[in-house]
Each structure stands twice: as C-alpha cells, then as structure tokens.
Amino acid sequence: MTIVRPALAITILLLLGGCSKDHRAAPRAIPPGARAAAVAVESVTYNGWPNSWRVRNASCELVVVPAVSRVMRFALTGGQNVLWENPELAGKTFPADDGTVSRRHALLQTPGV
C-alpha cells in the first residue's frame, strides 16, 4: 500500500486549486460562503505504472507516479500533457542503488530542438 505524504498531498491540492482555463484572468478572491472546487483523487495505472494517483478537478488534472517519484502528467481537462515523457521508458522503474539514477531523469527530459 502506498502512503501519500502530507506535503505531497498539500502540493497537489495547491496546484489544482490554482488551475484556471483562462490564465490571463486576474486573480479573484473567493466570495464569502462560496464552496471550493471538488477535487477527486483516485488510484490508477498510468502508462504501465500501477499504483499511480490521478488528482483532478473541473479545470485540470495531474498524475503522480510514486514508482518513479515524478508527476508524469499535468493538463487542463481534456487537454494534452504539458510534460514530455519518453515513451520507451513507459512503465519501467529503476532500482535506486544500481547507478541508473541518471536514466530516471530521462523521463522528463525535453526532446532536442
């Protein structure tokens, strides 16, 4: 069983709380008595990684993959992932003690331009 650390959960909620479809809009104060947007957290298999966590609200979603210690997806609802993933490494994990730590970082490297 995977336990989500409180600091990670707070970070995720803060990220989702700041999502807005109109990024040019001026920040608005929440009126007194207004309810915060509902946030759903569910366990999913993401690109071959079991026990991943999808956190979403009406505006955006992110997927945390504890097996590789990364946020692997962040997108507006119905939109494309703004994080690049190496498709050759989907579903793969690397032991921390075998010297392949640098390969883990390849998951989030951007392609050469």
PDB file of N, CA and C in Angstrom:
ATOM      1  N   MET A   1       0.840  -1.181   0.000  1.00  0.00           N
ATOM      2  CA  MET A   1       0.000   0.000   0.000  1.00  0.00           C
ATOM      3  C   MET A   1       0.886   1.246   0.000  1.00  0.00           C
ATOM      4  N   THR A   2       0.590   2.170  -0.879  1.00  0.00           N
ATOM      5  CA  THR A   2       1.362   3.401  -0.985  1.00  0.00           C
ATOM      6  C   THR A   2       0.731   4.466  -0.111  1.00  0.00           C
ATOM      7  N   ILE A   3       1.552   5.154   0.657  1.00  0.00           N
ATOM      8  CA  ILE A   3       1.063   6.232   1.507  1.00  0.00           C
ATOM      9  C   ILE A   3       1.512   7.548   0.886  1.00  0.00           C
ATOM     10  N   VAL A   4       0.559   8.431   0.649  1.00  0.00           N
ATOM     11  CA  VAL A   4       0.890   9.736   0.094  1.00  0.00           C
ATOM     12  C   VAL A   4       1.311  10.637   1.242  1.00  0.00           C
ATOM     13  N   ARG A   5       2.490  11.210   1.139  1.00  0.00           N
ATOM     14  CA  ARG A   5       2.989  12.089   2.193  1.00  0.00           C
ATOM     15  C   ARG A   5       2.142  13.350   2.268  1.00  0.00           C
ATOM     16  N   PRO A   6       1.917  13.872   3.463  1.00  0.00           N
ATOM     17  CA  PRO A   6       1.098  15.083   3.606  1.00  0.00           C
ATOM     18  C   PRO A   6       1.623  16.253   2.787  1.00  0.00           C
ATOM     19  N   ALA A   7       2.946  16.435   2.711  1.00  0.00           N
ATOM     20  CA  ALA A   7       3.495  17.555   1.942  1.00  0.00           C
ATOM     21  C   ALA A   7       3.165  17.398   0.459  1.00  0.00           C
ATOM     22  N   LEU A   8       3.224  16.165  -0.061  1.00  0.00           N
ATOM     23  CA  LEU A   8       2.886  15.917  -1.456  1.00  0.00           C
ATOM     24  C   LEU A   8       1.406  16.197  -1.690  1.00  0.00           C
ATOM     25  N   ALA A   9       0.564  15.741  -0.794  1.00  0.00           N
ATOM     26  CA  ALA A   9      -0.878  15.972  -0.939  1.00  0.00           C
ATOM     27  C   ALA A   9      -1.200  17.462  -0.923  1.00  0.00           C
ATOM     28  N   ILE A  10      -0.561  18.207  -0.052  1.00  0.00           N
ATOM     29  CA  ILE A  10      -0.801  19.655   0.017  1.00  0.00           C
ATOM     30  C   ILE A  10      -0.330  20.331  -1.265  1.00  0.00           C
ATOM     31  N   THR A  11       0.842  19.923  -1.773  1.00  0.00           N
ATOM     32  CA  THR A  11       1.347  20.489  -3.023  1.00  0.00           C
ATOM     33  C   THR A  11       0.391  20.226  -4.171  1.00  0.00           C
ATOM     34  N   ILE A  12      -0.114  19.007  -4.260  1.00  0.00           N
ATOM     35  CA  ILE A  12      -1.047  18.647  -5.327  1.00  0.00           C
ATOM     36  C   ILE A  12      -2.312  19.486  -5.225  1.00  0.00           C
ATOM     37  N   LEU A  13      -2.847  19.615  -4.030  1.00  0.00           N
ATOM     38  CA  LEU A  13      -4.069  20.399  -3.863  1.00  0.00           C
ATOM     39  C   LEU A  13      -3.842  21.864  -4.204  1.00  0.00           C
ATOM     40  N   LEU A  14      -2.671  22.407  -3.855  1.00  0.00           N
ATOM     41  CA  LEU A  14      -2.366  23.792  -4.205  1.00  0.00           C
ATOM     42  C   LEU A  14      -2.258  23.967  -5.717  1.00  0.00           C
ATOM     43  N   LEU A  15      -1.643  22.995  -6.391  1.00  0.00           N
ATOM     44  CA  LEU A  15      -1.553  23.068  -7.845  1.00  0.00           C
ATOM     45  C   LEU A  15      -2.934  23.056  -8.482  1.00  0.00           C
ATOM     46  N   LEU A  16      -3.782  22.151  -8.022  1.00  0.00           N
ATOM     47  CA  LEU A  16      -5.124  22.069  -8.598  1.00  0.00           C
ATOM     48  C   LEU A  16      -5.966  23.281  -8.229  1.00  0.00           C
ATOM     49  N   GLY A  17      -5.757  23.814  -7.062  1.00  0.00           N
ATOM     50  CA  GLY A  17      -6.510  24.991  -6.662  1.00  0.00           C
ATOM     51  C   GLY A  17      -6.193  26.196  -7.509  1.00  0.00           C
ATOM     52  N   GLY A  18      -4.998  26.227  -8.110  1.00  0.00           N
ATOM     53  CA  GLY A  18      -4.600  27.356  -8.925  1.00  0.00           C
ATOM     54  C   GLY A  18      -4.911  27.195 -10.401  1.00  0.00           C
ATOM     55  N   CYS A  19      -5.514  26.069 -10.789  1.00  0.00           N
ATOM     56  CA  CYS A  19      -5.823  25.840 -12.198  1.00  0.00           C
ATOM     57  C   CYS A  19      -6.960  26.736 -12.641  1.00  0.00           C
ATOM     58  N   SER A  20      -6.816  27.252 -13.831  1.00  0.00           N
ATOM     59  CA  SER A  20      -7.871  28.070 -14.421  1.00  0.00           C
ATOM     60  C   SER A  20      -7.775  27.930 -15.927  1.00  0.00           C
ATOM     61  N   LYS A  21      -8.901  27.852 -16.604  1.00  0.00           N
ATOM     62  CA  LYS A  21      -8.873  27.721 -18.061  1.00  0.00           C
ATOM     63  C   LYS A  21      -8.426  29.021 -18.710  1.00  0.00           C
ATOM     64  N   ASP A  22      -8.644  30.144 -18.054  1.00  0.00           N
ATOM     65  CA  ASP A  22      -8.223  31.429 -18.604  1.00  0.00           C
ATOM     66  C   ASP A  22      -7.061  31.941 -17.765  1.00  0.00           C
ATOM     67  N   HIS A  23      -5.839  31.692 -18.249  1.00  0.00           N
ATOM     68  CA  HIS A  23      -4.656  32.061 -17.478  1.00  0.00           C
ATOM     69  C   HIS A  23      -4.403  33.558 -17.478  1.00  0.00           C
ATOM     70  N   ARG A  24      -5.100  34.300 -18.343  1.00  0.00           N
ATOM     71  CA  ARG A  24      -4.913  35.738 -18.402  1.00  0.00           C
ATOM     72  C   ARG A  24      -5.843  36.465 -17.437  1.00  0.00           C
ATOM     73  N   ALA A  25      -6.791  35.752 -16.871  1.00  0.00           N
ATOM     74  CA  ALA A  25      -7.748  36.388 -15.973  1.00  0.00           C
ATOM     75  C   ALA A  25      -7.047  36.863 -14.702  1.00  0.00           C
ATOM     76  N   ALA A  26      -7.504  37.978 -14.191  1.00  0.00           N
ATOM     77  CA  ALA A  26      -6.947  38.499 -12.944  1.00  0.00           C
ATOM     78  C   ALA A  26      -7.364  37.584 -11.801  1.00  0.00           C
ATOM     79  N   PRO A  27      -6.495  37.415 -10.807  1.00  0.00           N
ATOM     80  CA  PRO A  27      -6.862  36.591  -9.657  1.00  0.00           C
ATOM     81  C   PRO A  27      -8.110  37.139  -8.981  1.00  0.00           C
ATOM     82  N   ARG A  28      -8.989  36.226  -8.580  1.00  0.00           N
ATOM     83  CA  ARG A  28     -10.226  36.638  -7.929  1.00  0.00           C
ATOM     84  C   ARG A  28     -10.273  36.075  -6.517  1.00  0.00           C
ATOM     85  N   ALA A  29     -10.790  36.865  -5.629  1.00  0.00           N
ATOM     86  CA  ALA A  29     -10.981  36.385  -4.263  1.00  0.00           C
ATOM     87  C   ALA A  29     -12.226  35.508  -4.245  1.00  0.00           C
ATOM     88  N   ILE A  30     -12.198  34.465  -3.432  1.00  0.00           N
ATOM     89  CA  ILE A  30     -13.371  33.616  -3.298  1.00  0.00           C
ATOM     90  C   ILE A  30     -14.371  34.336  -2.412  1.00  0.00           C
ATOM     91  N   PRO A  31     -15.593  34.533  -2.915  1.00  0.00           N
ATOM     92  CA  PRO A  31     -16.581  35.245  -2.115  1.00  0.00           C
ATOM     93  C   PRO A  31     -16.916  34.479  -0.836  1.00  0.00           C
ATOM     94  N   PRO A  32     -17.255  35.186   0.227  1.00  0.00           N
ATOM     95  CA  PRO A  32     -17.622  34.508   1.470  1.00  0.00           C
ATOM     96  C   PRO A  32     -18.786  33.558   1.220  1.00  0.00           C
ATOM     97  N   GLY A  33     -18.703  32.379   1.789  1.00  0.00           N
ATOM     98  CA  GLY A  33     -19.771  31.394   1.653  1.00  0.00           C
ATOM     99  C   GLY A  33     -19.645  30.533   0.406  1.00  0.00           C
ATOM    100  N   ALA A  34     -18.709  30.856  -0.493  1.00  0.00           N
ATOM    101  CA  ALA A  34     -18.538  30.053  -1.704  1.00  0.00           C
ATOM    102  C   ALA A  34     -17.818  28.759  -1.358  1.00  0.00           C
ATOM    103  N   ARG A  35     -18.149  27.715  -2.083  1.00  0.00           N
ATOM    104  CA  ARG A  35     -17.506  26.426  -1.843  1.00  0.00           C
ATOM    105  C   ARG A  35     -16.318  26.261  -2.781  1.00  0.00           C
ATOM    106  N   ALA A  36     -15.279  25.607  -2.306  1.00  0.00           N
ATOM    107  CA  ALA A  36     -14.110  25.326  -3.138  1.00  0.00           C
ATOM    108  C   ALA A  36     -14.475  24.253  -4.165  1.00  0.00           C
ATOM    109  N   ALA A  37     -13.754  24.222  -5.273  1.00  0.00           N
ATOM    110  CA  ALA A  37     -13.998  23.227  -6.311  1.00  0.00           C
ATOM    111  C   ALA A  37     -13.721  21.830  -5.766  1.00  0.00           C
ATOM    112  N   ALA A  38     -14.535  20.884  -6.187  1.00  0.00           N
ATOM    113  CA  ALA A  38     -14.358  19.497  -5.762  1.00  0.00           C
ATOM    114  C   ALA A  38     -13.083  18.931  -6.390  1.00  0.00           C
ATOM    115  N   VAL A  39     -12.324  18.210  -5.595  1.00  0.00           N
ATOM    116  CA  VAL A  39     -11.094  17.581  -6.056  1.00  0.00           C
ATOM    117  C   VAL A  39     -11.254  16.078  -5.889  1.00  0.00           C
ATOM    118  N   ALA A  40     -10.995  15.331  -6.962  1.00  0.00           N
ATOM    119  CA  ALA A  40     -11.090  13.872  -6.922  1.00  0.00           C
ATOM    120  C   ALA A  40      -9.686  13.286  -6.943  1.00  0.00           C
ATOM    121  N   VAL A  41      -9.454  12.292  -6.100  1.00  0.00           N
ATOM    122  CA  VAL A  41      -8.179  11.583  -6.043  1.00  0.00           C
ATOM    123  C   VAL A  41      -8.493  10.111  -6.238  1.00  0.00           C
ATOM    124  N   GLU A  42      -7.827   9.484  -7.220  1.00  0.00           N
ATOM    125  CA  GLU A  42      -8.083   8.071  -7.469  1.00  0.00           C
ATOM    126  C   GLU A  42      -6.795   7.343  -7.815  1.00  0.00           C
ATOM    127  N   SER A  43      -6.760   6.074  -7.455  1.00  0.00           N
ATOM    128  CA  SER A  43      -5.617   5.230  -7.786  1.00  0.00           C
ATOM    129  C   SER A  43      -5.832   4.693  -9.201  1.00  0.00           C
ATOM    130  N   VAL A  44      -4.804   4.827 -10.055  1.00  0.00           N
ATOM    131  CA  VAL A  44      -4.911   4.390 -11.450  1.00  0.00           C
ATOM    132  C   VAL A  44      -3.621   3.697 -11.872  1.00  0.00           C
ATOM    133  N   THR A  45      -3.675   3.018 -13.009  1.00  0.00           N
ATOM    134  CA  THR A  45      -2.470   2.550 -13.681  1.00  0.00           C
ATOM    135  C   THR A  45      -2.225   3.534 -14.805  1.00  0.00           C
ATOM    136  N   TYR A  46      -1.082   4.196 -14.799  1.00  0.00           N
ATOM    137  CA  TYR A  46      -0.772   5.220 -15.787  1.00  0.00           C
ATOM    138  C   TYR A  46       0.396   4.771 -16.652  1.00  0.00           C
ATOM    139  N   ASN A  47       0.156   4.579 -17.924  1.00  0.00           N
ATOM    140  CA  ASN A  47       1.196   4.170 -18.887  1.00  0.00           C
ATOM    141  C   ASN A  47       2.045   2.999 -18.386  1.00  0.00           C
ATOM    142  N   GLY A  48       1.391   2.026 -17.776  1.00  0.00           N
ATOM    143  CA  GLY A  48       2.098   0.835 -17.311  1.00  0.00           C
ATOM    144  C   GLY A  48       2.597   0.908 -15.884  1.00  0.00           C
ATOM    145  N   TRP A  49       2.459   2.044 -15.220  1.00  0.00           N
ATOM    146  CA  TRP A  49       2.866   2.170 -13.817  1.00  0.00           C
ATOM    147  C   TRP A  49       1.648   1.966 -12.929  1.00  0.00           C
ATOM    148  N   PRO A  50       1.562   0.839 -12.216  1.00  0.00           N
ATOM    149  CA  PRO A  50       0.433   0.647 -11.298  1.00  0.00           C
ATOM    150  C   PRO A  50       0.579   1.531 -10.060  1.00  0.00           C
ATOM    151  N   ASN A  51      -0.486   1.651  -9.324  1.00  0.00           N
ATOM    152  CA  ASN A  51      -0.499   2.405  -8.059  1.00  0.00           C
ATOM    153  C   ASN A  51      -0.120   3.868  -8.237  1.00  0.00           C
ATOM    154  N   SER A  52      -0.507   4.446  -9.350  1.00  0.00           N
ATOM    155  CA  SER A  52      -0.314   5.875  -9.567  1.00  0.00           C
ATOM    156  C   SER A  52      -1.542   6.604  -9.038  1.00  0.00           C
ATOM    157  N   TRP A  53      -1.409   7.909  -8.872  1.00  0.00           N
ATOM    158  CA  TRP A  53      -2.523   8.702  -8.322  1.00  0.00           C
ATOM    159  C   TRP A  53      -2.923   9.799  -9.300  1.00  0.00           C
ATOM    160  N   ARG A  54      -4.206   9.830  -9.671  1.00  0.00           N
ATOM    161  CA  ARG A  54      -4.742  10.903 -10.501  1.00  0.00           C
ATOM    162  C   ARG A  54      -5.487  11.856  -9.578  1.00  0.00           C
ATOM    163  N   VAL A  55      -5.126  13.121  -9.646  1.00  0.00           N
ATOM    164  CA  VAL A  55      -5.772  14.163  -8.857  1.00  0.00           C
ATOM    165  C   VAL A  55      -6.354  15.151  -9.847  1.00  0.00           C
ATOM    166  N   ARG A  56      -7.664  15.419  -9.745  1.00  0.00           N
ATOM    167  CA  ARG A  56      -8.278  16.308 -10.732  1.00  0.00           C
ATOM    168  C   ARG A  56      -9.421  17.102 -10.136  1.00  0.00           C
ATOM    169  N   ASN A  57      -9.705  18.196 -10.820  1.00  0.00           N
ATOM    170  CA  ASN A  57     -10.890  18.984 -10.522  1.00  0.00           C
ATOM    171  C   ASN A  57     -11.528  19.315 -11.864  1.00  0.00           C
ATOM    172  N   ALA A  58     -12.448  20.249 -11.903  1.00  0.00           N
ATOM    173  CA  ALA A  58     -13.143  20.564 -13.147  1.00  0.00           C
ATOM    174  C   ALA A  58     -12.236  21.223 -14.177  1.00  0.00           C
ATOM    175  N   SER A  59     -11.119  21.808 -13.756  1.00  0.00           N
ATOM    176  CA  SER A  59     -10.254  22.562 -14.667  1.00  0.00           C
ATOM    177  C   SER A  59      -9.032  21.806 -15.159  1.00  0.00           C
ATOM    178  N   CYS A  60      -8.430  20.974 -14.308  1.00  0.00           N
ATOM    179  CA  CYS A  60      -7.178  20.331 -14.696  1.00  0.00           C
ATOM    180  C   CYS A  60      -6.977  19.028 -13.947  1.00  0.00           C
ATOM    181  N   GLU A  61      -5.935  18.308 -14.361  1.00  0.00           N
ATOM    182  CA  GLU A  61      -5.596  17.047 -13.705  1.00  0.00           C
ATOM    183  C   GLU A  61      -4.096  16.856 -13.699  1.00  0.00           C
ATOM    184  N   LEU A  62      -3.628  16.063 -12.731  1.00  0.00           N
ATOM    185  CA  LEU A  62      -2.238  15.649 -12.721  1.00  0.00           C
ATOM    186  C   LEU A  62      -2.173  14.214 -12.266  1.00  0.00           C
ATOM    187  N   VAL A  63      -1.107  13.529 -12.676  1.00  0.00           N
ATOM    188  CA  VAL A  63      -0.896  12.140 -12.289  1.00  0.00           C
ATOM    189  C   VAL A  63       0.472  12.044 -11.640  1.00  0.00           C
ATOM    190  N   VAL A  64       0.487  11.512 -10.424  1.00  0.00           N
ATOM    191  CA  VAL A  64       1.719  11.293  -9.671  1.00  0.00           C
ATOM    192  C   VAL A  64       2.041   9.802  -9.751  1.00  0.00           C
ATOM    193  N   VAL A  65       3.282   9.471 -10.119  1.00  0.00           N
ATOM    194  CA  VAL A  65       3.720   8.082 -10.224  1.00  0.00           C
ATOM    195  C   VAL A  65       4.790   7.845  -9.156  1.00  0.00           C
ATOM    196  N   PRO A  66       4.393   7.300  -8.000  1.00  0.00           N
ATOM    197  CA  PRO A  66       5.373   7.068  -6.929  1.00  0.00           C
ATOM    198  C   PRO A  66       6.505   6.135  -7.328  1.00  0.00           C
ATOM    199  N   ALA A  67       6.265   5.204  -8.254  1.00  0.00           N
ATOM    200  CA  ALA A  67       7.312   4.254  -8.658  1.00  0.00           C
ATOM    201  C   ALA A  67       8.525   4.948  -9.249  1.00  0.00           C
ATOM    202  N   VAL A  68       8.330   6.133  -9.843  1.00  0.00           N
ATOM    203  CA  VAL A  68       9.458   6.884 -10.404  1.00  0.00           C
ATOM    204  C   VAL A  68       9.614   8.248  -9.728  1.00  0.00           C
ATOM    205  N   SER A  69       8.851   8.468  -8.673  1.00  0.00           N
ATOM    206  CA  SER A  69       8.932   9.697  -7.877  1.00  0.00           C
ATOM    207  C   SER A  69       8.753  10.950  -8.725  1.00  0.00           C
ATOM    208  N   ARG A  70       7.745  10.937  -9.593  1.00  0.00           N
ATOM    209  CA  ARG A  70       7.532  12.063 -10.503  1.00  0.00           C
ATOM    210  C   ARG A  70       6.052  12.353 -10.707  1.00  0.00           C
ATOM    211  N   VAL A  71       5.766  13.617 -11.015  1.00  0.00           N
ATOM    212  CA  VAL A  71       4.483  13.979 -11.589  1.00  0.00           C
ATOM    213  C   VAL A  71       4.673  13.741 -13.084  1.00  0.00           C
ATOM    214  N   MET A  72       3.904  12.835 -13.663  1.00  0.00           N
ATOM    215  CA  MET A  72       4.109  12.465 -15.068  1.00  0.00           C
ATOM    216  C   MET A  72       3.089  13.098 -16.005  1.00  0.00           C
ATOM    217  N   ARG A  73       2.008  13.640 -15.459  1.00  0.00           N
ATOM    218  CA  ARG A  73       1.012  14.288 -16.314  1.00  0.00           C
ATOM    219  C   ARG A  73       0.474  15.514 -15.609  1.00  0.00           C
ATOM    220  N   PHE A  74       0.385  16.608 -16.348  1.00  0.00           N
ATOM    221  CA  PHE A  74      -0.314  17.799 -15.896  1.00  0.00           C
ATOM    222  C   PHE A  74      -0.963  18.395 -17.130  1.00  0.00           C
ATOM    223  N   ALA A  75      -2.284  18.566 -17.084  1.00  0.00           N
ATOM    224  CA  ALA A  75      -3.008  19.066 -18.253  1.00  0.00           C
ATOM    225  C   ALA A  75      -4.303  19.721 -17.822  1.00  0.00           C
ATOM    226  N   LEU A  76      -4.760  20.654 -18.647  1.00  0.00           N
ATOM    227  CA  LEU A  76      -6.108  21.162 -18.466  1.00  0.00           C
ATOM    228  C   LEU A  76      -7.063  20.039 -18.837  1.00  0.00           C
ATOM    229  N   THR A  77      -8.261  20.031 -18.289  1.00  0.00           N
ATOM    230  CA  THR A  77      -9.224  18.980 -18.559  1.00  0.00           C
ATOM    231  C   THR A  77      -9.440  18.840 -20.059  1.00  0.00           C
ATOM    232  N   GLY A  78      -9.251  17.639 -20.562  1.00  0.00           N
ATOM    233  CA  GLY A  78      -9.415  17.371 -21.981  1.00  0.00           C
ATOM    234  C   GLY A  78      -8.246  17.808 -22.837  1.00  0.00           C
ATOM    235  N   GLY A  79      -7.210  18.358 -22.222  1.00  0.00           N
ATOM    236  CA  GLY A  79      -6.057  18.866 -22.965  1.00  0.00           C
ATOM    237  C   GLY A  79      -4.899  17.895 -22.992  1.00  0.00           C
ATOM    238  N   GLN A  80      -3.845  18.315 -23.655  1.00  0.00           N
ATOM    239  CA  GLN A  80      -2.643  17.498 -23.757  1.00  0.00           C
ATOM    240  C   GLN A  80      -1.748  17.690 -22.543  1.00  0.00           C
ATOM    241  N   ASN A  81      -0.968  16.669 -22.263  1.00  0.00           N
ATOM    242  CA  ASN A  81       0.007  16.704 -21.190  1.00  0.00           C
ATOM    243  C   ASN A  81       1.060  17.770 -21.511  1.00  0.00           C
ATOM    244  N   VAL A  82       1.326  18.654 -20.574  1.00  0.00           N
ATOM    245  CA  VAL A  82       2.350  19.680 -20.799  1.00  0.00           C
ATOM    246  C   VAL A  82       3.750  19.167 -20.446  1.00  0.00           C
ATOM    247  N   LEU A  83       3.834  17.975 -19.863  1.00  0.00           N
ATOM    248  CA  LEU A  83       5.120  17.363 -19.535  1.00  0.00           C
ATOM    249  C   LEU A  83       5.468  16.326 -20.596  1.00  0.00           C
ATOM    250  N   TRP A  84       6.690  16.375 -21.109  1.00  0.00           N
ATOM    251  CA  TRP A  84       7.118  15.393 -22.098  1.00  0.00           C
ATOM    252  C   TRP A  84       7.522  14.115 -21.397  1.00  0.00           C
ATOM    253  N   GLU A  85       7.137  12.968 -21.997  1.00  0.00           N
ATOM    254  CA  GLU A  85       7.524  11.663 -21.482  1.00  0.00           C
ATOM    255  C   GLU A  85       8.267  10.906 -22.567  1.00  0.00           C
ATOM    256  N   ASN A  86       9.261  10.147 -22.161  1.00  0.00           N
ATOM    257  CA  ASN A  86       9.961   9.275 -23.095  1.00  0.00           C
ATOM    258  C   ASN A  86       9.141   7.994 -23.210  1.00  0.00           C
ATOM    259  N   PRO A  87       8.502   7.738 -24.362  1.00  0.00           N
ATOM    260  CA  PRO A  87       7.641   6.562 -24.496  1.00  0.00           C
ATOM    261  C   PRO A  87       8.394   5.241 -24.331  1.00  0.00           C
ATOM    262  N   GLU A  88       9.693   5.222 -24.573  1.00  0.00           N
ATOM    263  CA  GLU A  88      10.479   3.997 -24.410  1.00  0.00           C
ATOM    264  C   GLU A  88      10.605   3.583 -22.944  1.00  0.00           C
ATOM    265  N   LEU A  89      10.399   4.534 -22.022  1.00  0.00           N
ATOM    266  CA  LEU A  89      10.542   4.237 -20.595  1.00  0.00           C
ATOM    267  C   LEU A  89       9.204   4.070 -19.877  1.00  0.00           C
ATOM    268  N   ALA A  90       8.110   4.124 -20.623  1.00  0.00           N
ATOM    269  CA  ALA A  90       6.788   3.996 -20.003  1.00  0.00           C
ATOM    270  C   ALA A  90       6.673   2.666 -19.265  1.00  0.00           C
ATOM    271  N   GLY A  91       6.232   2.729 -18.033  1.00  0.00           N
ATOM    272  CA  GLY A  91       6.030   1.544 -17.222  1.00  0.00           C
ATOM    273  C   GLY A  91       7.278   0.968 -16.593  1.00  0.00           C
ATOM    274  N   LYS A  92       8.451   1.518 -16.898  1.00  0.00           N
ATOM    275  CA  LYS A  92       9.697   0.979 -16.354  1.00  0.00           C
ATOM    276  C   LYS A  92      10.072   1.690 -15.063  1.00  0.00           C
ATOM    277  N   THR A  93      10.684   0.933 -14.172  1.00  0.00           N
ATOM    278  CA  THR A  93      11.233   1.505 -12.944  1.00  0.00           C
ATOM    279  C   THR A  93      12.698   1.104 -12.868  1.00  0.00           C
ATOM    280  N   PHE A  94      13.436   1.842 -12.079  1.00  0.00           N
ATOM    281  CA  PHE A  94      14.855   1.584 -11.939  1.00  0.00           C
ATOM    282  C   PHE A  94      15.208   1.521 -10.465  1.00  0.00           C
ATOM    283  N   PRO A  95      15.906   0.462 -10.047  1.00  0.00           N
ATOM    284  CA  PRO A  95      16.335   0.401  -8.645  1.00  0.00           C
ATOM    285  C   PRO A  95      17.236   1.593  -8.326  1.00  0.00           C
ATOM    286  N   ALA A  96      17.069   2.149  -7.157  1.00  0.00           N
ATOM    287  CA  ALA A  96      17.817   3.346  -6.770  1.00  0.00           C
ATOM    288  C   ALA A  96      19.298   3.066  -6.560  1.00  0.00           C
ATOM    289  N   ASP A  97      19.672   1.816  -6.296  1.00  0.00           N
ATOM    290  CA  ASP A  97      21.062   1.541  -5.936  1.00  0.00           C
ATOM    291  C   ASP A  97      21.883   0.932  -7.074  1.00  0.00           C
ATOM    292  N   ASP A  98      21.374   0.917  -8.307  1.00  0.00           N
ATOM    293  CA  ASP A  98      22.149   0.276  -9.368  1.00  0.00           C
ATOM    294  C   ASP A  98      22.866   1.268 -10.283  1.00  0.00           C
ATOM    295  N   GLY A  99      22.913   2.538  -9.902  1.00  0.00           N
ATOM    296  CA  GLY A  99      23.639   3.516 -10.695  1.00  0.00           C
ATOM    297  C   GLY A  99      22.865   4.076 -11.876  1.00  0.00           C
ATOM    298  N   THR A 100      21.559   3.811 -11.953  1.00  0.00           N
ATOM    299  CA  THR A 100      20.772   4.273 -13.102  1.00  0.00           C
ATOM    300  C   THR A 100      19.952   5.512 -12.785  1.00  0.00           C
ATOM    301  N   VAL A 101      20.294   6.204 -11.725  1.00  0.00           N
ATOM    302  CA  VAL A 101      19.534   7.386 -11.348  1.00  0.00           C
ATOM    303  C   VAL A 101      19.454   8.365 -12.515  1.00  0.00           C
ATOM    304  N   SER A 102      20.538   8.490 -13.278  1.00  0.00           N
ATOM    305  CA  SER A 102      20.523   9.417 -14.402  1.00  0.00           C
ATOM    306  C   SER A 102      19.513   9.003 -15.462  1.00  0.00           C
ATOM    307  N   ARG A 103      19.231   7.708 -15.596  1.00  0.00           N
ATOM    308  CA  ARG A 103      18.225   7.269 -16.565  1.00  0.00           C
ATOM    309  C   ARG A 103      16.826   7.672 -16.124  1.00  0.00           C
ATOM    310  N   ARG A 104      16.575   7.739 -14.836  1.00  0.00           N
ATOM    311  CA  ARG A 104      15.261   8.175 -14.361  1.00  0.00           C
ATOM    312  C   ARG A 104      14.973   9.583 -14.836  1.00  0.00           C
ATOM    313  N   HIS A 105      15.990  10.428 -14.864  1.00  0.00           N
ATOM    314  CA  HIS A 105      15.775  11.806 -15.281  1.00  0.00           C
ATOM    315  C   HIS A 105      15.413  11.906 -16.752  1.00  0.00           C
ATOM    316  N   ALA A 106      15.694  10.859 -17.516  1.00  0.00           N
ATOM    317  CA  ALA A 106      15.336  10.854 -18.937  1.00  0.00           C
ATOM    318  C   ALA A 106      13.824  10.881 -19.124  1.00  0.00           C
ATOM    319  N   LEU A 107      13.072  10.497 -18.105  1.00  0.00           N
ATOM    320  CA  LEU A 107      11.612  10.518 -18.198  1.00  0.00           C
ATOM    321  C   LEU A 107      11.087  11.930 -18.445  1.00  0.00           C
ATOM    322  N   LEU A 108      11.767  12.915 -17.903  1.00  0.00           N
ATOM    323  CA  LEU A 108      11.264  14.281 -18.015  1.00  0.00           C
ATOM    324  C   LEU A 108      12.122  15.181 -18.890  1.00  0.00           C
ATOM    325  N   GLN A 109      13.119  14.631 -19.540  1.00  0.00           N
ATOM    326  CA  GLN A 109      13.937  15.462 -20.418  1.00  0.00           C
ATOM    327  C   GLN A 109      13.126  15.862 -21.630  1.00  0.00           C
ATOM    328  N   THR A 110      13.338  17.070 -22.084  1.00  0.00           N
ATOM    329  CA  THR A 110      12.641  17.502 -23.282  1.00  0.00           C
ATOM    330  C   THR A 110      13.412  17.025 -24.514  1.00  0.00           C
ATOM    331  N   PRO A 111      12.694  16.763 -25.597  1.00  0.00           N
ATOM    332  CA  PRO A 111      13.384  16.307 -26.798  1.00  0.00           C
ATOM    333  C   PRO A 111      14.238  17.437 -27.366  1.00  0.00           C
ATOM    334  N   GLY A 112      15.306  17.069 -28.051  1.00  0.00           N
ATOM    335  CA  GLY A 112      16.190  18.061 -28.657  1.00  0.00           C
ATOM    336  C   GLY A 112      15.449  18.875 -29.705  1.00  0.00           C
ATOM    337  N   VAL A 113      15.720  20.145 -29.749  1.00  0.00           N
ATOM    338  CA  VAL A 113      15.044  21.014 -30.714  1.00  0.00           C
ATOM    339  C   VAL A 113      16.011  21.431 -31.793  1.00  0.00           C
TER     340      VAL A 113
END
